[in-house]
Full PDB file with SEQRES, HELIX, SHEET, SSBOND, CRYST1, ORIGX, SCALE, CONECT and MASTER records, all heavy atoms in Angstrom:
SEQRES   1 A   33  GLY LEU LEU VAL GLN LEU PRO LEU PRO ALA HIS LEU SER          
SEQRES   2 A   33  THR ARG HIS VAL VAL GLN SER ILE ARG ALA GLU LYS ASP          
SEQRES   3 A   33  VAL ASP GLY PHE HIS ALA GLU                                  
HELIX    1 AA1 THR A   14  SER A   20  1                                   7    
HELIX    2 AA2 ALA A   23  LYS A   25  5                                   3    
CRYST1    1.000    1.000    1.000  90.00  90.00  90.00 P 1           1          
ORIGX1      1.000000  0.000000  0.000000        0.00000                         
ORIGX2      0.000000  1.000000  0.000000        0.00000                         
ORIGX3      0.000000  0.000000  1.000000        0.00000                         
SCALE1      1.000000  0.000000  0.000000        0.00000                         
SCALE2      0.000000  1.000000  0.000000        0.00000                         
SCALE3      0.000000  0.000000  1.000000        0.00000                         
ATOM      1  N   GLY A   1     -25.463 -12.326  -7.269  1.00  0.00           N  
ATOM      2  CA  GLY A   1     -26.282 -11.986  -6.110  1.00  0.00           C  
ATOM      3  C   GLY A   1     -26.803 -13.230  -5.432  1.00  0.00           C  
ATOM      4  O   GLY A   1     -27.170 -14.210  -6.096  1.00  0.00           O  
ATOM      5  N   LEU A   2     -26.838 -13.206  -4.113  1.00  0.00           N  
ATOM      6  CA  LEU A   2     -27.350 -14.331  -3.323  1.00  0.00           C  
ATOM      7  C   LEU A   2     -28.297 -13.806  -2.263  1.00  0.00           C  
ATOM      8  O   LEU A   2     -27.984 -12.835  -1.562  1.00  0.00           O  
ATOM      9  CB  LEU A   2     -26.198 -15.084  -2.650  1.00  0.00           C  
ATOM     10  CG  LEU A   2     -26.570 -16.089  -1.540  1.00  0.00           C  
ATOM     11  CD1 LEU A   2     -27.445 -17.208  -2.086  1.00  0.00           C  
ATOM     12  CD2 LEU A   2     -25.314 -16.650  -0.896  1.00  0.00           C  
ATOM     13  N   LEU A   3     -29.455 -14.430  -2.170  1.00  0.00           N  
ATOM     14  CA  LEU A   3     -30.354 -14.124  -1.064  1.00  0.00           C  
ATOM     15  C   LEU A   3     -30.810 -15.422  -0.421  1.00  0.00           C  
ATOM     16  O   LEU A   3     -30.987 -16.437  -1.087  1.00  0.00           O  
ATOM     17  CB  LEU A   3     -31.557 -13.306  -1.529  1.00  0.00           C  
ATOM     18  CG  LEU A   3     -32.559 -13.940  -2.491  1.00  0.00           C  
ATOM     19  CD1 LEU A   3     -33.683 -14.661  -1.736  1.00  0.00           C  
ATOM     20  CD2 LEU A   3     -33.163 -12.889  -3.398  1.00  0.00           C  
ATOM     21  N   VAL A   4     -30.958 -15.378   0.874  1.00  0.00           N  
ATOM     22  CA  VAL A   4     -31.544 -16.484   1.630  1.00  0.00           C  
ATOM     23  C   VAL A   4     -32.901 -16.001   2.099  1.00  0.00           C  
ATOM     24  O   VAL A   4     -32.991 -15.009   2.841  1.00  0.00           O  
ATOM     25  CB  VAL A   4     -30.663 -16.894   2.823  1.00  0.00           C  
ATOM     26  CG1 VAL A   4     -31.352 -17.980   3.641  1.00  0.00           C  
ATOM     27  CG2 VAL A   4     -29.302 -17.385   2.334  1.00  0.00           C  
ATOM     28  N   GLN A   5     -33.957 -16.652   1.634  1.00  0.00           N  
ATOM     29  CA  GLN A   5     -35.309 -16.204   1.951  1.00  0.00           C  
ATOM     30  C   GLN A   5     -35.585 -16.364   3.440  1.00  0.00           C  
ATOM     31  O   GLN A   5     -35.444 -17.458   3.998  1.00  0.00           O  
ATOM     32  CB  GLN A   5     -36.335 -17.001   1.135  1.00  0.00           C  
ATOM     33  CG  GLN A   5     -37.754 -16.482   1.261  1.00  0.00           C  
ATOM     34  CD  GLN A   5     -37.922 -15.095   0.662  1.00  0.00           C  
ATOM     35  OE1 GLN A   5     -37.454 -14.814  -0.424  1.00  0.00           O  
ATOM     36  NE2 GLN A   5     -38.599 -14.217   1.384  1.00  0.00           N  
ATOM     37  N   LEU A   6     -35.958 -15.285   4.076  1.00  0.00           N  
ATOM     38  CA  LEU A   6     -36.275 -15.296   5.509  1.00  0.00           C  
ATOM     39  C   LEU A   6     -37.777 -15.269   5.714  1.00  0.00           C  
ATOM     40  O   LEU A   6     -38.514 -14.802   4.850  1.00  0.00           O  
ATOM     41  CB  LEU A   6     -35.612 -14.077   6.182  1.00  0.00           C  
ATOM     42  CG  LEU A   6     -34.093 -13.989   6.041  1.00  0.00           C  
ATOM     43  CD1 LEU A   6     -33.588 -12.718   6.720  1.00  0.00           C  
ATOM     44  CD2 LEU A   6     -33.399 -15.210   6.604  1.00  0.00           C  
ATOM     45  N   PRO A   7     -38.255 -15.772   6.855  1.00  0.00           N  
ATOM     46  CA  PRO A   7     -37.491 -16.308   7.989  1.00  0.00           C  
ATOM     47  C   PRO A   7     -37.039 -17.738   7.768  1.00  0.00           C  
ATOM     48  O   PRO A   7     -37.627 -18.470   6.972  1.00  0.00           O  
ATOM     49  CB  PRO A   7     -38.503 -16.226   9.138  1.00  0.00           C  
ATOM     50  CG  PRO A   7     -39.834 -16.419   8.475  1.00  0.00           C  
ATOM     51  CD  PRO A   7     -39.719 -15.728   7.145  1.00  0.00           C  
ATOM     52  N   LEU A   8     -35.995 -18.113   8.520  1.00  0.00           N  
ATOM     53  CA  LEU A   8     -35.501 -19.479   8.515  1.00  0.00           C  
ATOM     54  C   LEU A   8     -36.150 -20.262   9.652  1.00  0.00           C  
ATOM     55  O   LEU A   8     -36.629 -19.674  10.626  1.00  0.00           O  
ATOM     56  CB  LEU A   8     -33.982 -19.486   8.707  1.00  0.00           C  
ATOM     57  CG  LEU A   8     -33.134 -18.909   7.575  1.00  0.00           C  
ATOM     58  CD1 LEU A   8     -31.678 -18.792   8.027  1.00  0.00           C  
ATOM     59  CD2 LEU A   8     -33.237 -19.766   6.329  1.00  0.00           C  
ATOM     60  N   PRO A   9     -36.161 -21.593   9.561  1.00  0.00           N  
ATOM     61  CA  PRO A   9     -36.650 -22.402  10.689  1.00  0.00           C  
ATOM     62  C   PRO A   9     -35.863 -22.090  11.956  1.00  0.00           C  
ATOM     63  O   PRO A   9     -34.701 -21.668  11.907  1.00  0.00           O  
ATOM     64  CB  PRO A   9     -36.406 -23.843  10.213  1.00  0.00           C  
ATOM     65  CG  PRO A   9     -36.422 -23.757   8.729  1.00  0.00           C  
ATOM     66  CD  PRO A   9     -35.802 -22.419   8.394  1.00  0.00           C  
ATOM     67  N   ALA A  10     -36.489 -22.332  13.102  1.00  0.00           N  
ATOM     68  CA  ALA A  10     -35.926 -21.914  14.392  1.00  0.00           C  
ATOM     69  C   ALA A  10     -34.576 -22.552  14.705  1.00  0.00           C  
ATOM     70  O   ALA A  10     -33.764 -21.966  15.443  1.00  0.00           O  
ATOM     71  CB  ALA A  10     -36.920 -22.221  15.506  1.00  0.00           C  
ATOM     72  N   HIS A  11     -34.303 -23.739  14.175  1.00  0.00           N  
ATOM     73  CA  HIS A  11     -33.051 -24.422  14.529  1.00  0.00           C  
ATOM     74  C   HIS A  11     -31.846 -23.867  13.765  1.00  0.00           C  
ATOM     75  O   HIS A  11     -30.704 -24.244  14.049  1.00  0.00           O  
ATOM     76  CB  HIS A  11     -33.163 -25.930  14.282  1.00  0.00           C  
ATOM     77  CG  HIS A  11     -33.217 -26.325  12.838  1.00  0.00           C  
ATOM     78  ND1 HIS A  11     -34.370 -26.214  12.083  1.00  0.00           N  
ATOM     79  CD2 HIS A  11     -32.269 -26.812  11.998  1.00  0.00           C  
ATOM     80  CE1 HIS A  11     -34.124 -26.644  10.857  1.00  0.00           C  
ATOM     81  NE2 HIS A  11     -32.853 -26.998  10.778  1.00  0.00           N  
ATOM     82  N   LEU A  12     -32.083 -22.964  12.835  1.00  0.00           N  
ATOM     83  CA  LEU A  12     -30.995 -22.356  12.070  1.00  0.00           C  
ATOM     84  C   LEU A  12     -30.744 -20.932  12.546  1.00  0.00           C  
ATOM     85  O   LEU A  12     -31.667 -20.233  12.957  1.00  0.00           O  
ATOM     86  CB  LEU A  12     -31.329 -22.351  10.576  1.00  0.00           C  
ATOM     87  CG  LEU A  12     -31.522 -23.723   9.925  1.00  0.00           C  
ATOM     88  CD1 LEU A  12     -32.052 -23.559   8.508  1.00  0.00           C  
ATOM     89  CD2 LEU A  12     -30.218 -24.516   9.925  1.00  0.00           C  
ATOM     90  N   SER A  13     -29.499 -20.506  12.480  1.00  0.00           N  
ATOM     91  CA  SER A  13     -29.132 -19.168  12.935  1.00  0.00           C  
ATOM     92  C   SER A  13     -29.213 -18.172  11.779  1.00  0.00           C  
ATOM     93  O   SER A  13     -28.366 -18.172  10.878  1.00  0.00           O  
ATOM     94  CB  SER A  13     -27.703 -19.168  13.500  1.00  0.00           C  
ATOM     95  OG  SER A  13     -27.260 -17.839  13.724  1.00  0.00           O  
ATOM     96  N   THR A  14     -30.238 -17.334  11.820  1.00  0.00           N  
ATOM     97  CA  THR A  14     -30.391 -16.318  10.780  1.00  0.00           C  
ATOM     98  C   THR A  14     -29.198 -15.375  10.766  1.00  0.00           C  
ATOM     99  O   THR A  14     -28.655 -15.040   9.699  1.00  0.00           O  
ATOM    100  CB  THR A  14     -31.685 -15.524  11.002  1.00  0.00           C  
ATOM    101  OG1 THR A  14     -32.797 -16.413  10.891  1.00  0.00           O  
ATOM    102  CG2 THR A  14     -31.825 -14.408   9.984  1.00  0.00           C  
ATOM    103  N   ARG A  15     -28.778 -14.954  11.944  1.00  0.00           N  
ATOM    104  CA  ARG A  15     -27.656 -14.021  12.027  1.00  0.00           C  
ATOM    105  C   ARG A  15     -26.403 -14.618  11.384  1.00  0.00           C  
ATOM    106  O   ARG A  15     -25.710 -13.948  10.606  1.00  0.00           O  
ATOM    107  CB  ARG A  15     -27.384 -13.679  13.490  1.00  0.00           C  
ATOM    108  CG  ARG A  15     -26.204 -12.738  13.690  1.00  0.00           C  
ATOM    109  CD  ARG A  15     -26.001 -12.398  15.153  1.00  0.00           C  
ATOM    110  NE  ARG A  15     -24.871 -11.510  15.346  1.00  0.00           N  
ATOM    111  CZ  ARG A  15     -24.456 -11.072  16.527  1.00  0.00           C  
ATOM    112  NH1 ARG A  15     -25.105 -11.439  17.615  1.00  0.00           N  
ATOM    113  NH2 ARG A  15     -23.421 -10.277  16.624  1.00  0.00           N  
ATOM    114  N   HIS A  16     -26.134 -15.877  11.699  1.00  0.00           N  
ATOM    115  CA  HIS A  16     -24.948 -16.526  11.146  1.00  0.00           C  
ATOM    116  C   HIS A  16     -25.031 -16.625   9.631  1.00  0.00           C  
ATOM    117  O   HIS A  16     -24.053 -16.337   8.919  1.00  0.00           O  
ATOM    118  CB  HIS A  16     -24.807 -17.923  11.760  1.00  0.00           C  
ATOM    119  CG  HIS A  16     -23.711 -18.743  11.153  1.00  0.00           C  
ATOM    120  ND1 HIS A  16     -22.381 -18.561  11.480  1.00  0.00           N  
ATOM    121  CD2 HIS A  16     -23.744 -19.741  10.226  1.00  0.00           C  
ATOM    122  CE1 HIS A  16     -21.645 -19.401  10.784  1.00  0.00           C  
ATOM    123  NE2 HIS A  16     -22.444 -20.135  10.017  1.00  0.00           N  
ATOM    124  N   VAL A  17     -26.187 -17.022   9.113  1.00  0.00           N  
ATOM    125  CA  VAL A  17     -26.343 -17.191   7.668  1.00  0.00           C  
ATOM    126  C   VAL A  17     -26.188 -15.860   6.952  1.00  0.00           C  
ATOM    127  O   VAL A  17     -25.485 -15.763   5.937  1.00  0.00           O  
ATOM    128  CB  VAL A  17     -27.700 -17.837   7.347  1.00  0.00           C  
ATOM    129  CG1 VAL A  17     -27.952 -17.833   5.845  1.00  0.00           C  
ATOM    130  CG2 VAL A  17     -27.750 -19.269   7.872  1.00  0.00           C  
ATOM    131  N   VAL A  18     -26.836 -14.835   7.461  1.00  0.00           N  
ATOM    132  CA  VAL A  18     -26.766 -13.509   6.820  1.00  0.00           C  
ATOM    133  C   VAL A  18     -25.331 -13.014   6.771  1.00  0.00           C  
ATOM    134  O   VAL A  18     -24.876 -12.470   5.752  1.00  0.00           O  
ATOM    135  CB  VAL A  18     -27.681 -12.515   7.559  1.00  0.00           C  
ATOM    136  CG1 VAL A  18     -27.395 -11.083   7.098  1.00  0.00           C  
ATOM    137  CG2 VAL A  18     -29.141 -12.862   7.321  1.00  0.00           C  
ATOM    138  N   GLN A  19     -24.586 -13.195   7.869  1.00  0.00           N  
ATOM    139  CA  GLN A  19     -23.202 -12.721   7.898  1.00  0.00           C  
ATOM    140  C   GLN A  19     -22.267 -13.599   7.078  1.00  0.00           C  
ATOM    141  O   GLN A  19     -21.145 -13.194   6.767  1.00  0.00           O  
ATOM    142  CB  GLN A  19     -22.703 -12.632   9.344  1.00  0.00           C  
ATOM    143  CG  GLN A  19     -23.482 -11.690  10.220  1.00  0.00           C  
ATOM    144  CD  GLN A  19     -23.769 -10.353   9.566  1.00  0.00           C  
ATOM    145  OE1 GLN A  19     -22.875  -9.728   8.986  1.00  0.00           O  
ATOM    146  NE2 GLN A  19     -25.010  -9.902   9.640  1.00  0.00           N  
ATOM    147  N   SER A  20     -22.734 -14.799   6.712  1.00  0.00           N  
ATOM    148  CA  SER A  20     -21.916 -15.692   5.885  1.00  0.00           C  
ATOM    149  C   SER A  20     -21.924 -15.280   4.414  1.00  0.00           C  
ATOM    150  O   SER A  20     -21.040 -15.672   3.654  1.00  0.00           O  
ATOM    151  CB  SER A  20     -22.422 -17.140   6.013  1.00  0.00           C  
ATOM    152  OG  SER A  20     -22.278 -17.609   7.327  1.00  0.00           O  
ATOM    153  N   ILE A  21     -22.936 -14.527   4.006  1.00  0.00           N  
ATOM    154  CA  ILE A  21     -23.014 -14.057   2.623  1.00  0.00           C  
ATOM    155  C   ILE A  21     -22.032 -12.896   2.444  1.00  0.00           C  
ATOM    156  O   ILE A  21     -22.006 -11.970   3.255  1.00  0.00           O  
ATOM    157  CB  ILE A  21     -24.440 -13.581   2.284  1.00  0.00           C  
ATOM    158  CG1 ILE A  21     -25.442 -14.725   2.479  1.00  0.00           C  
ATOM    159  CG2 ILE A  21     -24.510 -13.042   0.861  1.00  0.00           C  
ATOM    160  CD1 ILE A  21     -26.890 -14.281   2.380  1.00  0.00           C  
ATOM    161  N   ARG A  22     -21.230 -12.961   1.401  1.00  0.00           N  
ATOM    162  CA  ARG A  22     -20.287 -11.876   1.158  1.00  0.00           C  
ATOM    163  C   ARG A  22     -21.043 -10.568   0.933  1.00  0.00           C  
ATOM    164  O   ARG A  22     -22.044 -10.541   0.222  1.00  0.00           O  
ATOM    165  CB  ARG A  22     -19.417 -12.184  -0.057  1.00  0.00           C  
ATOM    166  CG  ARG A  22     -18.384 -13.261   0.198  1.00  0.00           C  
ATOM    167  CD  ARG A  22     -17.495 -13.484  -0.992  1.00  0.00           C  
ATOM    168  NE  ARG A  22     -16.552 -14.565  -0.741  1.00  0.00           N  
ATOM    169  CZ  ARG A  22     -15.806 -15.138  -1.671  1.00  0.00           C  
ATOM    170  NH1 ARG A  22     -15.892 -14.721  -2.930  1.00  0.00           N  
ATOM    171  NH2 ARG A  22     -14.974 -16.112  -1.361  1.00  0.00           N  
ATOM    172  N   ALA A  23     -20.538  -9.501   1.524  1.00  0.00           N  
ATOM    173  CA  ALA A  23     -21.232  -8.212   1.452  1.00  0.00           C  
ATOM    174  C   ALA A  23     -21.467  -7.776   0.015  1.00  0.00           C  
ATOM    175  O   ALA A  23     -22.497  -7.182  -0.313  1.00  0.00           O  
ATOM    176  CB  ALA A  23     -20.440  -7.150   2.211  1.00  0.00           C  
ATOM    177  N   GLU A  24     -20.532  -8.094  -0.881  1.00  0.00           N  
ATOM    178  CA  GLU A  24     -20.661  -7.670  -2.273  1.00  0.00           C  
ATOM    179  C   GLU A  24     -21.640  -8.532  -3.062  1.00  0.00           C  
ATOM    180  O   GLU A  24     -21.960  -8.206  -4.217  1.00  0.00           O  
ATOM    181  CB  GLU A  24     -19.303  -7.648  -2.964  1.00  0.00           C  
ATOM    182  CG  GLU A  24     -18.586  -8.982  -3.027  1.00  0.00           C  
ATOM    183  CD  GLU A  24     -17.654  -9.215  -1.846  1.00  0.00           C  
ATOM    184  OE1 GLU A  24     -17.912  -8.657  -0.760  1.00  0.00           O  
ATOM    185  OE2 GLU A  24     -16.666  -9.952  -2.035  1.00  0.00           O  
ATOM    186  N   LYS A  25     -22.139  -9.632  -2.478  1.00  0.00           N  
ATOM    187  CA  LYS A  25     -23.183 -10.437  -3.108  1.00  0.00           C  
ATOM    188  C   LYS A  25     -24.491 -10.373  -2.324  1.00  0.00           C  
ATOM    189  O   LYS A  25     -25.487 -10.978  -2.708  1.00  0.00           O  
ATOM    190  CB  LYS A  25     -22.745 -11.903  -3.235  1.00  0.00           C  
ATOM    191  CG  LYS A  25     -21.651 -12.134  -4.267  1.00  0.00           C  
ATOM    192  CD  LYS A  25     -21.456 -13.612  -4.585  1.00  0.00           C  
ATOM    193  CE  LYS A  25     -20.401 -13.803  -5.661  1.00  0.00           C  
ATOM    194  NZ  LYS A  25     -20.266 -15.228  -6.066  1.00  0.00           N  
ATOM    195  N   ASP A  26     -24.483  -9.608  -1.254  1.00  0.00           N  
ATOM    196  CA  ASP A  26     -25.625  -9.509  -0.345  1.00  0.00           C  
ATOM    197  C   ASP A  26     -26.675  -8.557  -0.910  1.00  0.00           C  
ATOM    198  O   ASP A  26     -26.860  -7.432  -0.438  1.00  0.00           O  
ATOM    199  CB  ASP A  26     -25.123  -9.022   1.026  1.00  0.00           C  
ATOM    200  CG  ASP A  26     -26.239  -8.646   1.978  1.00  0.00           C  
ATOM    201  OD1 ASP A  26     -27.270  -9.341   1.995  1.00  0.00           O  
ATOM    202  OD2 ASP A  26     -26.065  -7.640   2.701  1.00  0.00           O  
ATOM    203  N   VAL A  27     -27.386  -9.008  -1.951  1.00  0.00           N  
ATOM    204  CA  VAL A  27     -28.341  -8.131  -2.627  1.00  0.00           C  
ATOM    205  C   VAL A  27     -29.540  -7.779  -1.746  1.00  0.00           C  
ATOM    206  O   VAL A  27     -30.276  -6.840  -2.038  1.00  0.00           O  
ATOM    207  CB  VAL A  27     -28.819  -8.742  -3.957  1.00  0.00           C  
ATOM    208  CG1 VAL A  27     -27.700  -8.731  -4.981  1.00  0.00           C  
ATOM    209  CG2 VAL A  27     -29.360 -10.159  -3.761  1.00  0.00           C  
ATOM    210  N   ASP A  28     -29.752  -8.516  -0.657  1.00  0.00           N  
ATOM    211  CA  ASP A  28     -30.797  -8.146   0.300  1.00  0.00           C  
ATOM    212  C   ASP A  28     -30.371  -6.970   1.169  1.00  0.00           C  
ATOM    213  O   ASP A  28     -31.203  -6.327   1.812  1.00  0.00           O  
ATOM    214  CB  ASP A  28     -31.151  -9.337   1.199  1.00  0.00           C  
ATOM    215  CG  ASP A  28     -32.307 -10.158   0.667  1.00  0.00           C  
ATOM    216  OD1 ASP A  28     -33.172  -9.579  -0.020  1.00  0.00           O  
ATOM    217  OD2 ASP A  28     -32.370 -11.368   0.947  1.00  0.00           O  
ATOM    218  N   GLY A  29     -29.057  -6.720   1.245  1.00  0.00           N  
ATOM    219  CA  GLY A  29     -28.561  -5.595   2.042  1.00  0.00           C  
ATOM    220  C   GLY A  29     -28.598  -5.817   3.533  1.00  0.00           C  
ATOM    221  O   GLY A  29     -28.635  -4.854   4.304  1.00  0.00           O  
ATOM    222  N   PHE A  30     -28.545  -7.082   3.988  1.00  0.00           N  
ATOM    223  CA  PHE A  30     -28.673  -7.397   5.413  1.00  0.00           C  
ATOM    224  C   PHE A  30     -27.337  -7.553   6.136  1.00  0.00           C  
ATOM    225  O   PHE A  30     -27.297  -7.568   7.368  1.00  0.00           O  
ATOM    226  CB  PHE A  30     -29.454  -8.703   5.609  1.00  0.00           C  
ATOM    227  CG  PHE A  30     -30.884  -8.651   5.136  1.00  0.00           C  
ATOM    228  CD1 PHE A  30     -31.561  -9.825   4.826  1.00  0.00           C  
ATOM    229  CD2 PHE A  30     -31.562  -7.446   5.014  1.00  0.00           C  
ATOM    230  CE1 PHE A  30     -32.883  -9.792   4.405  1.00  0.00           C  
ATOM    231  CE2 PHE A  30     -32.872  -7.400   4.584  1.00  0.00           C  
ATOM    232  CZ  PHE A  30     -33.535  -8.582   4.282  1.00  0.00           C  
ATOM    233  N   HIS A  31     -26.250  -7.721   5.391  1.00  0.00           N  
ATOM    234  CA  HIS A  31     -24.950  -7.967   6.014  1.00  0.00           C  
ATOM    235  C   HIS A  31     -24.566  -6.794   6.911  1.00  0.00           C  
ATOM    236  O   HIS A  31     -24.874  -5.635   6.615  1.00  0.00           O  
ATOM    237  CB  HIS A  31     -23.896  -8.185   4.931  1.00  0.00           C  
ATOM    238  CG  HIS A  31     -22.596  -8.722   5.431  1.00  0.00           C  
ATOM    239  ND1 HIS A  31     -21.654  -7.921   6.043  1.00  0.00           N  
ATOM    240  CD2 HIS A  31     -22.074  -9.987   5.419  1.00  0.00           C  
ATOM    241  CE1 HIS A  31     -20.607  -8.656   6.370  1.00  0.00           C  
ATOM    242  NE2 HIS A  31     -20.837  -9.915   6.006  1.00  0.00           N  
ATOM    243  N   ALA A  32     -23.860  -7.097   8.002  1.00  0.00           N  
ATOM    244  CA  ALA A  32     -23.477  -6.048   8.963  1.00  0.00           C  
ATOM    245  C   ALA A  32     -22.667  -4.941   8.304  1.00  0.00           C  
ATOM    246  O   ALA A  32     -22.781  -3.767   8.673  1.00  0.00           O  
ATOM    247  CB  ALA A  32     -22.696  -6.666  10.117  1.00  0.00           C  
ATOM    248  N   GLU A  33     -21.854  -5.299   7.322  1.00  0.00           N  
ATOM    249  CA  GLU A  33     -21.060  -4.280   6.620  1.00  0.00           C  
ATOM    250  C   GLU A  33     -21.964  -3.312   5.870  1.00  0.00           C  
ATOM    251  O   GLU A  33     -21.764  -2.090   5.907  1.00  0.00           O  
ATOM    252  CB  GLU A  33     -20.078  -4.941   5.658  1.00  0.00           C  
ATOM    253  CG  GLU A  33     -19.159  -3.956   4.956  1.00  0.00           C  
ATOM    254  CD  GLU A  33     -18.094  -4.623   4.103  1.00  0.00           C  
ATOM    255  OE1 GLU A  33     -17.853  -5.834   4.291  1.00  0.00           O  
ATOM    256  OE2 GLU A  33     -17.504  -3.931   3.250  1.00  0.00           O  
TER     257      GLU A  33                                                      
MASTER        0    0    0    2    0    0    0    6  256    1    0    3          
END                                                                             
């Protein structure tokens, strides 16, 4: 399982980071899938 603690600093793309996590490791449940 991988989680990225939100919120991120403004210069980073939250949307990009969340979608970069594989859906099957996205234990936060935020991935678009």
